[in-house]
Amino acid sequence: MKVTLESYGGLAAAADLRRPPDVLDSAALPEGAAAELERLVAAAAAAPPPQDSGRARDAKGYAITVEDGGRSTVLEQSDGSMSPAFAALLAWLRDRFAQG
């Protein structure tokens, strides 16, 4: 499974335009981490996205693209309205990318 994280919008939108997306291949992860990633992706994909109140017009948005078995799924949410499952996946990915 290959997972790509892109962020857009928000107050630092111009900086995000120059930054390439972060990509993670689960085949390169230890078995336990790969299983955790699969669990987090499944939970985020199953959770209905919350209703966007429209109050946070300058909120940062996130697109997580999951490529697995020839299928591609894009999960998109923002800081203004984010499900707990999406937030958990986002935090896990950010932690992995910060580790290098």
C-alpha atoms as a PDB file:
ATOM      1  CA  MET A   1       0.000   0.000   0.000  1.00  0.00           C
ATOM      2  CA  LYS A   2       1.286   3.448  -0.899  1.00  0.00           C
ATOM      3  CA  VAL A   3       0.001   6.467   1.035  1.00  0.00           C
ATOM      4  CA  THR A   4       0.503  10.065  -0.087  1.00  0.00           C
ATOM      5  CA  LEU A   5      -0.167  13.092   2.136  1.00  0.00           C
ATOM      6  CA  GLU A   6      -0.738  16.531   0.630  1.00  0.00           C
ATOM      7  CA  SER A   7      -1.723  19.679   2.493  1.00  0.00           C
ATOM      8  CA  TYR A   8      -3.170  22.824   1.008  1.00  0.00           C
ATOM      9  CA  GLY A   9      -4.710  26.142   1.950  1.00  0.00           C
ATOM     10  CA  GLY A  10      -4.496  27.767   5.327  1.00  0.00           C
ATOM     11  CA  LEU A  11      -2.333  30.695   6.246  1.00  0.00           C
ATOM     12  CA  ALA A  12       0.827  29.117   4.788  1.00  0.00           C
ATOM     13  CA  ALA A  13      -0.730  28.159   1.453  1.00  0.00           C
ATOM     14  CA  ALA A  14       2.103  29.613  -0.638  1.00  0.00           C
ATOM     15  CA  ALA A  15       4.695  27.495   1.196  1.00  0.00           C
ATOM     16  CA  ASP A  16       2.683  24.318   0.574  1.00  0.00           C
ATOM     17  CA  LEU A  17       2.613  24.937  -3.184  1.00  0.00           C
ATOM     18  CA  ARG A  18       6.382  24.498  -3.402  1.00  0.00           C
ATOM     19  CA  ARG A  19       6.519  21.413  -1.213  1.00  0.00           C
ATOM     20  CA  PRO A  20       6.180  17.968  -2.796  1.00  0.00           C
ATOM     21  CA  PRO A  21       3.707  15.568  -1.179  1.00  0.00           C
ATOM     22  CA  ASP A  22       4.960  13.078   1.401  1.00  0.00           C
ATOM     23  CA  VAL A  23       4.816   9.432   0.261  1.00  0.00           C
ATOM     24  CA  LEU A  24       4.974   6.290   2.383  1.00  0.00           C
ATOM     25  CA  ASP A  25       5.131   2.703   1.117  1.00  0.00           C
ATOM     26  CA  SER A  26       3.897   0.200   3.698  1.00  0.00           C
ATOM     27  CA  ALA A  27       6.255  -2.422   2.245  1.00  0.00           C
ATOM     28  CA  ALA A  28       9.154  -0.412   3.695  1.00  0.00           C
ATOM     29  CA  LEU A  29       7.648  -0.433   7.207  1.00  0.00           C
ATOM     30  CA  PRO A  30       8.128  -2.999   9.970  1.00  0.00           C
ATOM     31  CA  GLU A  31       5.254  -5.493  10.088  1.00  0.00           C
ATOM     32  CA  GLY A  32       3.611  -3.929  13.161  1.00  0.00           C
ATOM     33  CA  ALA A  33       3.736  -0.415  11.708  1.00  0.00           C
ATOM     34  CA  ALA A  34       2.321  -1.610   8.380  1.00  0.00           C
ATOM     35  CA  ALA A  35      -0.568  -3.302  10.207  1.00  0.00           C
ATOM     36  CA  GLU A  36      -1.230  -0.128  12.212  1.00  0.00           C
ATOM     37  CA  LEU A  37      -1.263   1.939   9.020  1.00  0.00           C
ATOM     38  CA  GLU A  38      -3.782  -0.448   7.440  1.00  0.00           C
ATOM     39  CA  ARG A  39      -5.997  -0.220  10.530  1.00  0.00           C
ATOM     40  CA  LEU A  40      -5.858   3.583  10.570  1.00  0.00           C
ATOM     41  CA  VAL A  41      -6.598   3.842   6.831  1.00  0.00           C
ATOM     42  CA  ALA A  42      -9.574   1.479   7.138  1.00  0.00           C
ATOM     43  CA  ALA A  43     -10.980   3.450  10.081  1.00  0.00           C
ATOM     44  CA  ALA A  44     -10.560   6.802   8.321  1.00  0.00           C
ATOM     45  CA  ALA A  45     -12.142   5.489   5.116  1.00  0.00           C
ATOM     46  CA  ALA A  46     -15.123   4.055   7.017  1.00  0.00           C
ATOM     47  CA  ALA A  47     -15.788   7.164   9.118  1.00  0.00           C
ATOM     48  CA  PRO A  48     -18.227   9.618   7.558  1.00  0.00           C
ATOM     49  CA  PRO A  49     -16.658  13.053   7.145  1.00  0.00           C
ATOM     50  CA  PRO A  50     -18.095  15.651   9.505  1.00  0.00           C
ATOM     51  CA  GLN A  51     -20.241  18.455   8.139  1.00  0.00           C
ATOM     52  CA  ASP A  52     -18.184  21.518   7.262  1.00  0.00           C
ATOM     53  CA  SER A  53     -19.567  24.497   9.137  1.00  0.00           C
ATOM     54  CA  GLY A  54     -17.846  26.936   6.773  1.00  0.00           C
ATOM     55  CA  ARG A  55     -16.578  28.951   9.727  1.00  0.00           C
ATOM     56  CA  ALA A  56     -12.899  28.215   9.160  1.00  0.00           C
ATOM     57  CA  ARG A  57     -12.450  29.543   5.645  1.00  0.00           C
ATOM     58  CA  ASP A  58      -8.664  29.738   6.035  1.00  0.00           C
ATOM     59  CA  ALA A  59      -8.389  26.218   7.482  1.00  0.00           C
ATOM     60  CA  LYS A  60      -5.661  23.962   6.182  1.00  0.00           C
ATOM     61  CA  GLY A  61      -6.885  21.016   4.106  1.00  0.00           C
ATOM     62  CA  TYR A  62      -5.409  17.550   3.761  1.00  0.00           C
ATOM     63  CA  ALA A  63      -5.658  14.932   1.037  1.00  0.00           C
ATOM     64  CA  ILE A  64      -4.529  11.411   1.869  1.00  0.00           C
ATOM     65  CA  THR A  65      -4.343   9.199  -1.208  1.00  0.00           C
ATOM     66  CA  VAL A  66      -4.207   5.456  -0.632  1.00  0.00           C
ATOM     67  CA  GLU A  67      -3.134   3.182  -3.484  1.00  0.00           C
ATOM     68  CA  ASP A  68      -3.656  -0.492  -2.775  1.00  0.00           C
ATOM     69  CA  GLY A  69      -4.260  -3.446  -5.057  1.00  0.00           C
ATOM     70  CA  GLY A  70      -4.736  -1.294  -8.148  1.00  0.00           C
ATOM     71  CA  ARG A  71      -7.321   0.911  -6.403  1.00  0.00           C
ATOM     72  CA  SER A  72      -6.841   4.524  -5.431  1.00  0.00           C
ATOM     73  CA  THR A  73      -8.861   6.207  -2.677  1.00  0.00           C
ATOM     74  CA  VAL A  74      -8.609   9.871  -1.720  1.00  0.00           C
ATOM     75  CA  LEU A  75      -9.605  10.968   1.774  1.00  0.00           C
ATOM     76  CA  GLU A  76      -9.967  14.742   2.187  1.00  0.00           C
ATOM     77  CA  GLN A  77     -10.726  16.760   5.294  1.00  0.00           C
ATOM     78  CA  SER A  78      -9.654  20.036   6.873  1.00  0.00           C
ATOM     79  CA  ASP A  79      -8.685  21.509  10.204  1.00  0.00           C
ATOM     80  CA  GLY A  80     -12.160  23.072  10.247  1.00  0.00           C
ATOM     81  CA  SER A  81     -13.965  19.726  10.159  1.00  0.00           C
ATOM     82  CA  MET A  82     -12.091  16.496  10.715  1.00  0.00           C
ATOM     83  CA  SER A  83     -13.281  13.118  11.961  1.00  0.00           C
ATOM     84  CA  PRO A  84     -11.379  11.583  14.874  1.00  0.00           C
ATOM     85  CA  ALA A  85     -10.360   8.640  12.649  1.00  0.00           C
ATOM     86  CA  PHE A  86      -8.949  10.962   9.968  1.00  0.00           C
ATOM     87  CA  ALA A  87      -7.140  12.985  12.661  1.00  0.00           C
ATOM     88  CA  ALA A  88      -5.565   9.789  14.041  1.00  0.00           C
ATOM     89  CA  LEU A  89      -4.345   8.760  10.571  1.00  0.00           C
ATOM     90  CA  LEU A  90      -3.023  12.266   9.874  1.00  0.00           C
ATOM     91  CA  ALA A  91      -1.151  12.386  13.195  1.00  0.00           C
ATOM     92  CA  TRP A  92       0.352   8.926  12.587  1.00  0.00           C
ATOM     93  CA  LEU A  93       1.513   9.918   9.092  1.00  0.00           C
ATOM     94  CA  ARG A  94       2.972  13.212  10.274  1.00  0.00           C
ATOM     95  CA  ASP A  95       4.893  11.375  12.984  1.00  0.00           C
ATOM     96  CA  ARG A  96       6.287   8.892  10.433  1.00  0.00           C
ATOM     97  CA  PHE A  97       7.293  11.631   8.018  1.00  0.00           C
ATOM     98  CA  ALA A  98       8.963  13.601  10.823  1.00  0.00           C
ATOM     99  CA  GLN A  99      11.060  10.530  11.647  1.00  0.00           C
ATOM    100  CA  GLY A 100      12.446  10.631   8.142  1.00  0.00           C
END
